[in-house]
Amino acid sequence: MSLLSALTLLPLALAASSGCSATLPKGLTPGGASQNLTISSASVIGKKTERRYIIHLPQTFSAKNDKAAPLIIAPHGQLLPAWTMESITELSKPAFNKDHIVVYPLGLDFQAPGIQWLSDPAAPPSSVLDDRIFITEILDHLESTLCIDKTRIYAAGVSNGGGLTGIIACDPKLNKRFAAFAGVAAAFYPDSSLTEPLFVAGCKPDLAPGRKLPILEFHGLNDSVIAYDGDNSPDPMSLPLTTWVDSWVSKNGCSGTSPVVKTLEAGTVKESRWSCGGKTDVVVHRTIQNFGHGWPSVAAQSALLESLRIGPTTWNATTEIMTWFSKWKLSA
């Protein structure tokens, strides 16, 4: 091989994880049924706990596990099991996702009201249970087991899972492993609603000069669970979505630019996109008229989920998110 060829391949080699060419876990096949995997976790502070996640390999994944593939971490909402997250997002379907590995982590049923993530007012504090540790462990396990493109790792969560996605973005160490973050009906809270500061005083992404941390959020204006203006009375106040979005516009150094605003989907969607520093669509926000709490999709969901989101939409959030993710990758 010539020196030029070697130099050309070097970034690809640096991007690939150590798990390339390892034997695939039992039962896990490209395009096959999603599998439940279990790992030992230190996320419950002071003890080891068995924690689970669902994983799906796309049809295009190399059966020899020798070609690096991008990865999406997709946390579910509070009381919404991981397999339901897989169903409503349709991220495991080739029609929406041709080449990304998708992992659906499962929150712990640690205390009332049930399975949830750090970031909710009802969740235990990080001194008791820290899901950032679990996400780190998942990444470490996957990168040592599968051929992962480490420059193309993404997070997409709904509701409380969107809140976890936000916490990952705020974490100065963990966010360096992700290329972009998407939240849908995401739950972010002011410090006064939580047992510890996570989204305001605790959000310190520590972006290196010139680095952008791409953020996307879609939210229904009729959301009765995580209200757009933050007024969830009698439940704890959440951050108004404009406050969260504006904070990331500022963190990304885009405050000096005006967003490109479009009205879409027969006037039901208002989309704002901020670009700066030579990067387009660094922050993207969609408000959805006459839509409640849930994942926008054309496909019908369960009666309970339909009652919360107030019916299907004429567009799919997953399509929009996948297109936006394709814009972003980390430097090798």
C-alpha atoms as a PDB file:
ATOM      1  CA  MET A   1       0.000   0.000   0.000  1.00  0.00           C
ATOM      2  CA  SER A   2       1.261   3.457  -0.891  1.00  0.00           C
ATOM      3  CA  LEU A   3       1.814   6.134   1.746  1.00  0.00           C
ATOM      4  CA  LEU A   4      -0.996   8.192   0.203  1.00  0.00           C
ATOM      5  CA  SER A   5      -3.426   5.265   0.439  1.00  0.00           C
ATOM      6  CA  ALA A   6      -2.410   4.638   4.047  1.00  0.00           C
ATOM      7  CA  LEU A   7      -2.967   8.276   4.953  1.00  0.00           C
ATOM      8  CA  THR A   8      -6.355   8.212   3.245  1.00  0.00           C
ATOM      9  CA  LEU A   9      -7.485   5.196   5.263  1.00  0.00           C
ATOM     10  CA  LEU A  10      -6.104   6.488   8.578  1.00  0.00           C
ATOM     11  CA  PRO A  11      -9.179   8.581   9.546  1.00  0.00           C
ATOM     12  CA  LEU A  12     -11.432   5.577   8.852  1.00  0.00           C
ATOM     13  CA  ALA A  13      -9.278   3.374  11.051  1.00  0.00           C
ATOM     14  CA  LEU A  14      -9.289   5.924  13.854  1.00  0.00           C
ATOM     15  CA  ALA A  15     -13.098   6.203  13.637  1.00  0.00           C
ATOM     16  CA  ALA A  16     -13.674   2.433  13.930  1.00  0.00           C
ATOM     17  CA  SER A  17     -14.107   0.925  17.389  1.00  0.00           C
ATOM     18  CA  SER A  18     -12.013  -1.859  18.915  1.00  0.00           C
ATOM     19  CA  GLY A  19     -14.866  -4.365  18.485  1.00  0.00           C
ATOM     20  CA  CYS A  20     -14.398  -4.607  14.718  1.00  0.00           C
ATOM     21  CA  SER A  21     -14.134  -8.256  13.562  1.00  0.00           C
ATOM     22  CA  ALA A  22     -15.196  -9.627  16.965  1.00  0.00           C
ATOM     23  CA  THR A  23     -17.722 -12.477  17.047  1.00  0.00           C
ATOM     24  CA  LEU A  24     -21.253 -11.094  17.141  1.00  0.00           C
ATOM     25  CA  PRO A  25     -23.241 -11.718  20.349  1.00  0.00           C
ATOM     26  CA  LYS A  26     -25.426 -14.821  20.208  1.00  0.00           C
ATOM     27  CA  GLY A  27     -28.676 -14.278  18.338  1.00  0.00           C
ATOM     28  CA  LEU A  28     -27.670 -10.896  16.948  1.00  0.00           C
ATOM     29  CA  THR A  29     -27.758 -10.863  13.142  1.00  0.00           C
ATOM     30  CA  PRO A  30     -27.919  -8.065  10.548  1.00  0.00           C
ATOM     31  CA  GLY A  31     -31.555  -7.318   9.759  1.00  0.00           C
ATOM     32  CA  GLY A  32     -32.701  -9.940  12.262  1.00  0.00           C
ATOM     33  CA  ALA A  33     -34.935  -9.605  15.298  1.00  0.00           C
ATOM     34  CA  SER A  34     -33.827  -7.114  17.911  1.00  0.00           C
ATOM     35  CA  GLN A  35     -32.168  -8.697  20.933  1.00  0.00           C
ATOM     36  CA  ASN A  36     -32.109  -8.009  24.658  1.00  0.00           C
ATOM     37  CA  LEU A  37     -28.599  -7.653  26.066  1.00  0.00           C
ATOM     38  CA  THR A  38     -27.619  -7.376  29.720  1.00  0.00           C
ATOM     39  CA  ILE A  39     -24.553  -5.721  31.192  1.00  0.00           C
ATOM     40  CA  SER A  40     -23.238  -5.277  34.719  1.00  0.00           C
ATOM     41  CA  SER A  41     -23.619  -1.625  35.683  1.00  0.00           C
ATOM     42  CA  ALA A  42     -22.270   0.701  38.364  1.00  0.00           C
ATOM     43  CA  SER A  43     -25.072   3.219  37.719  1.00  0.00           C
ATOM     44  CA  VAL A  44     -26.728   2.381  41.046  1.00  0.00           C
ATOM     45  CA  ILE A  45     -24.143   4.015  43.228  1.00  0.00           C
ATOM     46  CA  GLY A  46     -22.243   1.664  45.542  1.00  0.00           C
ATOM     47  CA  LYS A  47     -23.360  -1.617  43.996  1.00  0.00           C
ATOM     48  CA  LYS A  48     -23.370  -3.608  40.778  1.00  0.00           C
ATOM     49  CA  THR A  49     -26.731  -3.965  39.016  1.00  0.00           C
ATOM     50  CA  GLU A  50     -27.789  -5.923  35.948  1.00  0.00           C
ATOM     51  CA  ARG A  51     -29.145  -3.504  33.350  1.00  0.00           C
ATOM     52  CA  ARG A  52     -30.674  -4.200  29.964  1.00  0.00           C
ATOM     53  CA  TYR A  53     -31.030  -2.709  26.540  1.00  0.00           C
ATOM     54  CA  ILE A  54     -32.540  -3.735  23.224  1.00  0.00           C
ATOM     55  CA  ILE A  55     -30.271  -3.633  20.190  1.00  0.00           C
ATOM     56  CA  HIS A  56     -31.073  -3.775  16.489  1.00  0.00           C
ATOM     57  CA  LEU A  57     -28.578  -4.300  13.662  1.00  0.00           C
ATOM     58  CA  PRO A  58     -29.596  -2.943  10.242  1.00  0.00           C
ATOM     59  CA  GLN A  59     -29.671  -5.210   7.207  1.00  0.00           C
ATOM     60  CA  THR A  60     -26.581  -3.480   5.856  1.00  0.00           C
ATOM     61  CA  PHE A  61     -24.455  -4.288   8.901  1.00  0.00           C
ATOM     62  CA  SER A  62     -21.513  -6.524   8.016  1.00  0.00           C
ATOM     63  CA  ALA A  63     -22.071 -10.138   9.117  1.00  0.00           C
ATOM     64  CA  LYS A  64     -18.292 -10.268   9.656  1.00  0.00           C
ATOM     65  CA  ASN A  65     -18.556  -7.249  11.959  1.00  0.00           C
ATOM     66  CA  ASP A  66     -15.738  -5.611  10.039  1.00  0.00           C
ATOM     67  CA  LYS A  67     -17.265  -2.378   8.680  1.00  0.00           C
ATOM     68  CA  ALA A  68     -17.888   0.539  11.037  1.00  0.00           C
ATOM     69  CA  ALA A  69     -21.564   1.508  11.353  1.00  0.00           C
ATOM     70  CA  PRO A  70     -23.167   4.574  12.958  1.00  0.00           C
ATOM     71  CA  LEU A  71     -25.099   4.206  16.215  1.00  0.00           C
ATOM     72  CA  ILE A  72     -28.228   5.770  17.722  1.00  0.00           C
ATOM     73  CA  ILE A  73     -29.028   5.619  21.450  1.00  0.00           C
ATOM     74  CA  ALA A  74     -32.822   6.017  21.836  1.00  0.00           C
ATOM     75  CA  PRO A  75     -34.050   6.404  25.469  1.00  0.00           C
ATOM     76  CA  HIS A  76     -37.756   5.828  26.131  1.00  0.00           C
ATOM     77  CA  GLY A  77     -40.100   8.050  28.140  1.00  0.00           C
ATOM     78  CA  GLN A  78     -41.147   7.562  31.742  1.00  0.00           C
ATOM     79  CA  LEU A  79     -43.218   4.355  32.146  1.00  0.00           C
ATOM     80  CA  LEU A  80     -42.721   3.691  28.413  1.00  0.00           C
ATOM     81  CA  PRO A  81     -40.795   0.411  27.933  1.00  0.00           C
ATOM     82  CA  ALA A  82     -37.836   0.189  25.579  1.00  0.00           C
ATOM     83  CA  TRP A  83     -39.739  -2.097  23.176  1.00  0.00           C
ATOM     84  CA  THR A  84     -42.493   0.530  22.905  1.00  0.00           C
ATOM     85  CA  MET A  85     -39.835   3.118  22.030  1.00  0.00           C
ATOM     86  CA  GLU A  86     -38.690   0.822  19.247  1.00  0.00           C
ATOM     87  CA  SER A  87     -42.265   0.534  17.992  1.00  0.00           C
ATOM     88  CA  ILE A  88     -43.261   4.216  18.013  1.00  0.00           C
ATOM     89  CA  THR A  89     -40.021   5.560  16.516  1.00  0.00           C
ATOM     90  CA  GLU A  90     -39.827   2.833  13.836  1.00  0.00           C
ATOM     91  CA  LEU A  91     -36.048   3.278  13.984  1.00  0.00           C
ATOM     92  CA  SER A  92     -35.538  -0.449  13.463  1.00  0.00           C
ATOM     93  CA  LYS A  93     -37.403  -0.413  10.140  1.00  0.00           C
ATOM     94  CA  PRO A  94     -35.308  -0.256   6.943  1.00  0.00           C
ATOM     95  CA  ALA A  95     -37.760   2.246   5.467  1.00  0.00           C
ATOM     96  CA  PHE A  96     -36.561   4.761   8.044  1.00  0.00           C
ATOM     97  CA  ASN A  97     -33.078   3.521   8.901  1.00  0.00           C
ATOM     98  CA  LYS A  98     -30.891   1.696   6.422  1.00  0.00           C
ATOM     99  CA  ASP A  99     -27.518   1.638   8.158  1.00  0.00           C
ATOM    100  CA  HIS A 100     -27.584   2.730  11.828  1.00  0.00           C
ATOM    101  CA  ILE A 101     -27.330   0.356  14.762  1.00  0.00           C
ATOM    102  CA  VAL A 102     -30.053   1.345  17.236  1.00  0.00           C
ATOM    103  CA  VAL A 103     -29.970   0.781  20.981  1.00  0.00           C
ATOM    104  CA  TYR A 104     -33.038   1.234  23.172  1.00  0.00           C
ATOM    105  CA  PRO A 105     -31.845   1.378  26.802  1.00  0.00           C
ATOM    106  CA  LEU A 106     -34.224   0.339  29.575  1.00  0.00           C
ATOM    107  CA  GLY A 107     -34.629   2.607  32.590  1.00  0.00           C
ATOM    108  CA  LEU A 108     -34.791   1.160  36.085  1.00  0.00           C
ATOM    109  CA  ASP A 109     -37.967   0.696  38.107  1.00  0.00           C
ATOM    110  CA  PHE A 110     -36.088   2.009  41.141  1.00  0.00           C
ATOM    111  CA  GLN A 111     -38.868   3.943  42.858  1.00  0.00           C
ATOM    112  CA  ALA A 112     -42.364   5.264  42.134  1.00  0.00           C
ATOM    113  CA  PRO A 113     -43.792   5.865  39.612  1.00  0.00           C
ATOM    114  CA  GLY A 114     -41.742   3.179  37.772  1.00  0.00           C
ATOM    115  CA  ILE A 115     -39.181   2.947  34.968  1.00  0.00           C
ATOM    116  CA  GLN A 116     -37.629   6.333  34.342  1.00  0.00           C
ATOM    117  CA  TRP A 117     -34.385   8.226  33.879  1.00  0.00           C
ATOM    118  CA  LEU A 118     -32.326  10.689  35.847  1.00  0.00           C
ATOM    119  CA  SER A 119     -33.716  14.146  34.947  1.00  0.00           C
ATOM    120  CA  ASP A 120     -37.289  13.750  36.191  1.00  0.00           C
ATOM    121  CA  PRO A 121     -38.452  15.338  39.479  1.00  0.00           C
ATOM    122  CA  ALA A 122     -39.639  11.891  40.608  1.00  0.00           C
ATOM    123  CA  ALA A 123     -36.319  10.188  39.836  1.00  0.00           C
ATOM    124  CA  PRO A 124     -33.673   9.546  42.501  1.00  0.00           C
ATOM    125  CA  PRO A 125     -30.711  11.947  42.451  1.00  0.00           C
ATOM    126  CA  SER A 126     -27.464  11.060  40.702  1.00  0.00           C
ATOM    127  CA  SER A 127     -25.876  10.329  44.083  1.00  0.00           C
ATOM    128  CA  VAL A 128     -28.206   7.290  44.198  1.00  0.00           C
ATOM    129  CA  LEU A 129     -28.701   6.395  40.526  1.00  0.00           C
ATOM    130  CA  ASP A 130     -26.800   8.015  37.656  1.00  0.00           C
ATOM    131  CA  ASP A 131     -27.966   6.995  34.198  1.00  0.00           C
ATOM    132  CA  ARG A 132     -25.060   8.838  32.595  1.00  0.00           C
ATOM    133  CA  ILE A 133     -22.917   6.004  33.929  1.00  0.00           C
ATOM    134  CA  PHE A 134     -25.243   3.464  32.261  1.00  0.00           C
ATOM    135  CA  ILE A 135     -25.039   5.252  28.899  1.00  0.00           C
ATOM    136  CA  THR A 136     -21.248   5.348  29.191  1.00  0.00           C
ATOM    137  CA  GLU A 137     -21.208   1.628  29.947  1.00  0.00           C
ATOM    138  CA  ILE A 138     -23.420   0.886  26.943  1.00  0.00           C
ATOM    139  CA  LEU A 139     -21.057   2.813  24.672  1.00  0.00           C
ATOM    140  CA  ASP A 140     -18.003   1.063  26.115  1.00  0.00           C
ATOM    141  CA  HIS A 141     -19.651  -2.353  25.749  1.00  0.00           C
ATOM    142  CA  LEU A 142     -20.816  -1.724  22.198  1.00  0.00           C
ATOM    143  CA  GLU A 143     -17.506  -0.288  21.041  1.00  0.00           C
ATOM    144  CA  SER A 144     -15.657  -3.338  22.365  1.00  0.00           C
ATOM    145  CA  THR A 145     -18.204  -5.768  20.863  1.00  0.00           C
ATOM    146  CA  LEU A 146     -19.316  -4.271  17.539  1.00  0.00           C
ATOM    147  CA  CYS A 147     -17.721  -2.328  14.709  1.00  0.00           C
ATOM    148  CA  ILE A 148     -18.956   1.170  15.560  1.00  0.00           C
ATOM    149  CA  ASP A 149     -18.171   4.387  13.713  1.00  0.00           C
ATOM    150  CA  LYS A 150     -17.196   6.474  16.733  1.00  0.00           C
ATOM    151  CA  THR A 151     -17.580   9.705  14.775  1.00  0.00           C
ATOM    152  CA  ARG A 152     -21.282   9.014  14.139  1.00  0.00           C
ATOM    153  CA  ILE A 153     -22.943   8.292  17.464  1.00  0.00           C
ATOM    154  CA  TYR A 154     -26.262  10.041  18.124  1.00  0.00           C
ATOM    155  CA  ALA A 155     -28.954  10.281  20.816  1.00  0.00           C
ATOM    156  CA  ALA A 156     -32.701  10.611  20.198  1.00  0.00           C
ATOM    157  CA  GLY A 157     -35.112  10.469  23.142  1.00  0.00           C
ATOM    158  CA  VAL A 158     -38.773  11.136  23.860  1.00  0.00           C
ATOM    159  CA  SER A 159     -40.253  12.828  26.946  1.00  0.00           C
ATOM    160  CA  ASN A 160     -38.197  11.754  29.998  1.00  0.00           C
ATOM    161  CA  GLY A 161     -35.821  10.048  27.542  1.00  0.00           C
ATOM    162  CA  GLY A 162     -35.496  13.378  25.772  1.00  0.00           C
ATOM    163  CA  GLY A 163     -34.519  14.794  29.146  1.00  0.00           C
ATOM    164  CA  LEU A 164     -31.804  12.154  29.476  1.00  0.00           C
ATOM    165  CA  THR A 165     -30.611  13.105  26.001  1.00  0.00           C
ATOM    166  CA  GLY A 166     -30.387  16.699  27.218  1.00  0.00           C
ATOM    167  CA  ILE A 167     -28.381  15.691  30.275  1.00  0.00           C
ATOM    168  CA  ILE A 168     -25.914  13.819  28.065  1.00  0.00           C
ATOM    169  CA  ALA A 169     -25.538  16.934  25.925  1.00  0.00           C
ATOM    170  CA  CYS A 170     -24.893  18.978  29.076  1.00  0.00           C
ATOM    171  CA  ASP A 171     -22.214  16.579  30.358  1.00  0.00           C
ATOM    172  CA  PRO A 172     -18.759  17.880  29.348  1.00  0.00           C
ATOM    173  CA  LYS A 173     -17.191  14.411  29.162  1.00  0.00           C
ATOM    174  CA  LEU A 174     -19.994  12.252  27.799  1.00  0.00           C
ATOM    175  CA  ASN A 175     -21.097  14.717  25.111  1.00  0.00           C
ATOM    176  CA  LYS A 176     -17.714  14.357  23.417  1.00  0.00           C
ATOM    177  CA  ARG A 177     -18.765  10.875  22.298  1.00  0.00           C
ATOM    178  CA  PHE A 178     -21.885  12.073  20.473  1.00  0.00           C
ATOM    179  CA  ALA A 179     -22.211  13.928  17.175  1.00  0.00           C
ATOM    180  CA  ALA A 180     -25.774  15.282  17.654  1.00  0.00           C
ATOM    181  CA  PHE A 181     -28.789  15.175  19.985  1.00  0.00           C
ATOM    182  CA  ALA A 182     -32.528  15.047  19.238  1.00  0.00           C
ATOM    183  CA  GLY A 183     -35.389  15.405  21.710  1.00  0.00           C
ATOM    184  CA  VAL A 184     -39.088  14.868  20.999  1.00  0.00           C
ATOM    185  CA  ALA A 185     -41.664  16.133  23.503  1.00  0.00           C
ATOM    186  CA  ALA A 186     -38.567  16.397  25.665  1.00  0.00           C
ATOM    187  CA  ALA A 187     -38.785  17.022  29.420  1.00  0.00           C
ATOM    188  CA  PHE A 188     -36.299  19.597  30.730  1.00  0.00           C
ATOM    189  CA  TYR A 189     -36.649  21.142  34.186  1.00  0.00           C
ATOM    190  CA  PRO A 190     -35.537  24.244  36.054  1.00  0.00           C
ATOM    191  CA  ASP A 191     -33.246  23.637  39.008  1.00  0.00           C
ATOM    192  CA  SER A 192     -36.121  24.479  41.384  1.00  0.00           C
ATOM    193  CA  SER A 193     -38.091  21.415  40.179  1.00  0.00           C
ATOM    194  CA  LEU A 194     -35.247  18.950  40.749  1.00  0.00           C
ATOM    195  CA  THR A 195     -33.184  17.639  43.651  1.00  0.00           C
ATOM    196  CA  GLU A 196     -30.018  18.827  41.878  1.00  0.00           C
ATOM    197  CA  PRO A 197     -29.177  21.241  39.049  1.00  0.00           C
ATOM    198  CA  LEU A 198     -29.098  19.418  35.709  1.00  0.00           C
ATOM    199  CA  PHE A 199     -30.436  21.591  32.886  1.00  0.00           C
ATOM    200  CA  VAL A 200     -29.596  25.144  33.964  1.00  0.00           C
ATOM    201  CA  ALA A 201     -26.734  25.656  36.441  1.00  0.00           C
ATOM    202  CA  GLY A 202     -25.728  22.017  35.926  1.00  0.00           C
ATOM    203  CA  CYS A 203     -25.568  22.252  32.128  1.00  0.00           C
ATOM    204  CA  LYS A 204     -21.897  22.870  31.393  1.00  0.00           C
ATOM    205  CA  PRO A 205     -21.089  21.276  28.028  1.00  0.00           C
ATOM    206  CA  ASP A 206     -17.584  22.829  27.905  1.00  0.00           C
ATOM    207  CA  LEU A 207     -17.443  23.209  24.138  1.00  0.00           C
ATOM    208  CA  ALA A 208     -13.975  23.597  22.681  1.00  0.00           C
ATOM    209  CA  PRO A 209     -13.459  26.688  20.487  1.00  0.00           C
ATOM    210  CA  GLY A 210     -15.162  26.115  17.157  1.00  0.00           C
ATOM    211  CA  ARG A 211     -17.059  22.998  18.244  1.00  0.00           C
ATOM    212  CA  LYS A 212     -20.808  22.982  17.761  1.00  0.00           C
ATOM    213  CA  LEU A 213     -23.109  20.669  19.695  1.00  0.00           C
ATOM    214  CA  PRO A 214     -26.082  20.145  17.363  1.00  0.00           C
ATOM    215  CA  ILE A 215     -29.471  20.167  19.112  1.00  0.00           C
ATOM    216  CA  LEU A 216     -32.924  19.364  17.692  1.00  0.00           C
ATOM    217  CA  GLU A 217     -36.265  19.453  19.506  1.00  0.00           C
ATOM    218  CA  PHE A 218     -39.841  18.836  18.288  1.00  0.00           C
ATOM    219  CA  HIS A 219     -42.751  19.755  20.570  1.00  0.00           C
ATOM    220  CA  GLY A 220     -46.535  19.842  20.391  1.00  0.00           C
ATOM    221  CA  LEU A 221     -48.171  23.110  21.399  1.00  0.00           C
ATOM    222  CA  ASN A 222     -51.007  21.138  23.019  1.00  0.00           C
ATOM    223  CA  ASP A 223     -48.712  18.949  25.126  1.00  0.00           C
ATOM    224  CA  SER A 224     -50.542  18.295  28.399  1.00  0.00           C
ATOM    225  CA  VAL A 225     -47.669  16.344  29.998  1.00  0.00           C
ATOM    226  CA  ILE A 226     -44.672  18.595  29.291  1.00  0.00           C
ATOM    227  CA  ALA A 227     -46.324  21.907  28.491  1.00  0.00           C
ATOM    228  CA  TYR A 228     -44.633  24.056  25.880  1.00  0.00           C
ATOM    229  CA  ASP A 229     -44.614  27.049  28.247  1.00  0.00           C
ATOM    230  CA  GLY A 230     -43.532  24.869  31.197  1.00  0.00           C
ATOM    231  CA  ASP A 231     -46.776  25.200  33.194  1.00  0.00           C
ATOM    232  CA  ASN A 232     -47.578  21.600  34.123  1.00  0.00           C
ATOM    233  CA  SER A 233     -49.634  22.505  37.202  1.00  0.00           C
ATOM    234  CA  PRO A 234     -50.200  20.740  39.530  1.00  0.00           C
ATOM    235  CA  ASP A 235     -47.095  18.787  38.445  1.00  0.00           C
ATOM    236  CA  PRO A 236     -43.630  20.374  38.718  1.00  0.00           C
ATOM    237  CA  MET A 237     -42.790  23.221  36.366  1.00  0.00           C
ATOM    238  CA  SER A 238     -40.667  22.285  33.357  1.00  0.00           C
ATOM    239  CA  LEU A 239     -38.437  24.637  31.390  1.00  0.00           C
ATOM    240  CA  PRO A 240     -40.298  26.571  28.711  1.00  0.00           C
ATOM    241  CA  LEU A 241     -39.086  25.120  25.438  1.00  0.00           C
ATOM    242  CA  THR A 242     -38.028  28.541  24.184  1.00  0.00           C
ATOM    243  CA  THR A 243     -35.725  28.820  27.215  1.00  0.00           C
ATOM    244  CA  TRP A 244     -34.066  25.472  26.453  1.00  0.00           C
ATOM    245  CA  VAL A 245     -33.696  26.154  22.735  1.00  0.00           C
ATOM    246  CA  ASP A 246     -32.387  29.687  23.278  1.00  0.00           C
ATOM    247  CA  SER A 247     -29.825  28.395  25.780  1.00  0.00           C
ATOM    248  CA  TRP A 248     -28.360  26.074  23.130  1.00  0.00           C
ATOM    249  CA  VAL A 249     -28.440  28.768  20.486  1.00  0.00           C
ATOM    250  CA  SER A 250     -26.276  30.763  22.896  1.00  0.00           C
ATOM    251  CA  LYS A 251     -24.009  27.855  23.912  1.00  0.00           C
ATOM    252  CA  ASN A 252     -23.333  27.163  20.246  1.00  0.00           C
ATOM    253  CA  GLY A 253     -22.435  30.780  19.571  1.00  0.00           C
ATOM    254  CA  CYS A 254     -25.419  31.361  17.272  1.00  0.00           C
ATOM    255  CA  SER A 255     -27.068  34.174  19.252  1.00  0.00           C
ATOM    256  CA  GLY A 256     -25.917  36.756  16.751  1.00  0.00           C
ATOM    257  CA  THR A 257     -27.736  35.096  13.867  1.00  0.00           C
ATOM    258  CA  SER A 258     -31.438  35.070  13.045  1.00  0.00           C
ATOM    259  CA  PRO A 259     -33.068  31.681  12.466  1.00  0.00           C
ATOM    260  CA  VAL A 260     -34.503  30.617   9.146  1.00  0.00           C
ATOM    261  CA  VAL A 261     -38.197  30.156   9.922  1.00  0.00           C
ATOM    262  CA  LYS A 262     -40.560  28.134   7.753  1.00  0.00           C
ATOM    263  CA  THR A 263     -44.195  27.114   8.005  1.00  0.00           C
ATOM    264  CA  LEU A 264     -44.650  23.489   6.936  1.00  0.00           C
ATOM    265  CA  GLU A 265     -47.199  20.681   6.781  1.00  0.00           C
ATOM    266  CA  ALA A 266     -50.187  22.775   5.706  1.00  0.00           C
ATOM    267  CA  GLY A 267     -49.435  25.386   8.320  1.00  0.00           C
ATOM    268  CA  THR A 268     -49.339  23.015  11.310  1.00  0.00           C
ATOM    269  CA  VAL A 269     -45.566  23.123  11.824  1.00  0.00           C
ATOM    270  CA  LYS A 270     -43.335  26.120  12.483  1.00  0.00           C
ATOM    271  CA  GLU A 271     -39.685  25.240  12.039  1.00  0.00           C
ATOM    272  CA  SER A 272     -36.746  27.404  13.123  1.00  0.00           C
ATOM    273  CA  ARG A 273     -33.154  26.632  12.112  1.00  0.00           C
ATOM    274  CA  TRP A 274     -30.075  28.429  13.433  1.00  0.00           C
ATOM    275  CA  SER A 275     -26.768  28.331  11.538  1.00  0.00           C
ATOM    276  CA  CYS A 276     -23.452  29.885  12.531  1.00  0.00           C
ATOM    277  CA  GLY A 277     -19.696  29.364  12.461  1.00  0.00           C
ATOM    278  CA  GLY A 278     -19.881  27.921   8.970  1.00  0.00           C
ATOM    279  CA  LYS A 279     -22.279  25.169  10.114  1.00  0.00           C
ATOM    280  CA  THR A 280     -25.893  24.939   9.005  1.00  0.00           C
ATOM    281  CA  ASP A 281     -28.836  23.805  11.139  1.00  0.00           C
ATOM    282  CA  VAL A 282     -26.838  23.728  14.369  1.00  0.00           C
ATOM    283  CA  VAL A 283     -30.060  24.153  16.371  1.00  0.00           C
ATOM    284  CA  VAL A 284     -33.430  23.061  14.961  1.00  0.00           C
ATOM    285  CA  HIS A 285     -36.803  23.485  16.670  1.00  0.00           C
ATOM    286  CA  ARG A 286     -40.282  22.508  15.485  1.00  0.00           C
ATOM    287  CA  THR A 287     -43.529  23.534  17.135  1.00  0.00           C
ATOM    288  CA  ILE A 288     -46.548  21.459  16.143  1.00  0.00           C
ATOM    289  CA  GLN A 289     -50.060  22.886  16.253  1.00  0.00           C
ATOM    290  CA  ASN A 290     -52.904  20.736  17.598  1.00  0.00           C
ATOM    291  CA  PHE A 291     -50.423  18.078  18.704  1.00  0.00           C
ATOM    292  CA  GLY A 292     -49.975  16.767  22.212  1.00  0.00           C
ATOM    293  CA  HIS A 293     -47.350  14.636  23.954  1.00  0.00           C
ATOM    294  CA  GLY A 294     -45.678  11.981  21.849  1.00  0.00           C
ATOM    295  CA  TRP A 295     -43.651  11.013  18.801  1.00  0.00           C
ATOM    296  CA  PRO A 296     -45.018  12.481  15.539  1.00  0.00           C
ATOM    297  CA  SER A 297     -45.698   9.806  12.938  1.00  0.00           C
ATOM    298  CA  VAL A 298     -48.111   8.841  10.208  1.00  0.00           C
ATOM    299  CA  ALA A 299     -48.543   5.369  11.709  1.00  0.00           C
ATOM    300  CA  ALA A 300     -51.154   4.832  14.406  1.00  0.00           C
ATOM    301  CA  GLN A 301     -50.046   4.046  17.945  1.00  0.00           C
ATOM    302  CA  SER A 302     -51.826   2.535  20.957  1.00  0.00           C
ATOM    303  CA  ALA A 303     -55.065   4.105  22.209  1.00  0.00           C
ATOM    304  CA  LEU A 304     -53.278   5.541  25.258  1.00  0.00           C
ATOM    305  CA  LEU A 305     -50.445   7.060  23.248  1.00  0.00           C
ATOM    306  CA  GLU A 306     -52.889   8.448  20.673  1.00  0.00           C
ATOM    307  CA  SER A 307     -54.897  10.113  23.429  1.00  0.00           C
ATOM    308  CA  LEU A 308     -51.725  11.798  24.698  1.00  0.00           C
ATOM    309  CA  ARG A 309     -50.384  12.928  21.326  1.00  0.00           C
ATOM    310  CA  ILE A 310     -53.874  13.738  19.953  1.00  0.00           C
ATOM    311  CA  GLY A 311     -53.661  11.564  16.885  1.00  0.00           C
ATOM    312  CA  PRO A 312     -51.135  10.904  14.114  1.00  0.00           C
ATOM    313  CA  THR A 313     -49.426  13.542  11.978  1.00  0.00           C
ATOM    314  CA  THR A 314     -48.918  13.872   8.231  1.00  0.00           C
ATOM    315  CA  TRP A 315     -45.139  13.544   8.643  1.00  0.00           C
ATOM    316  CA  ASN A 316     -42.664  11.346  10.495  1.00  0.00           C
ATOM    317  CA  ALA A 317     -40.303  12.742  13.121  1.00  0.00           C
ATOM    318  CA  THR A 318     -37.954   9.812  12.495  1.00  0.00           C
ATOM    319  CA  THR A 319     -37.457  10.781   8.846  1.00  0.00           C
ATOM    320  CA  GLU A 320     -36.616  14.363   9.789  1.00  0.00           C
ATOM    321  CA  ILE A 321     -34.254  13.308  12.574  1.00  0.00           C
ATOM    322  CA  MET A 322     -32.382  10.803  10.413  1.00  0.00           C
ATOM    323  CA  THR A 323     -31.904  13.404   7.682  1.00  0.00           C
ATOM    324  CA  TRP A 324     -30.616  15.908  10.242  1.00  0.00           C
ATOM    325  CA  PHE A 325     -28.302  13.363  11.905  1.00  0.00           C
ATOM    326  CA  SER A 326     -26.686  12.736   8.512  1.00  0.00           C
ATOM    327  CA  LYS A 327     -25.301  16.296   8.589  1.00  0.00           C
ATOM    328  CA  TRP A 328     -23.169  15.636  11.665  1.00  0.00           C
ATOM    329  CA  LYS A 329     -20.088  13.653  12.604  1.00  0.00           C
ATOM    330  CA  LEU A 330     -17.230  14.098  15.040  1.00  0.00           C
ATOM    331  CA  SER A 331     -13.655  14.591  13.967  1.00  0.00           C
ATOM    332  CA  ALA A 332     -11.798  11.267  13.915  1.00  0.00           C
END
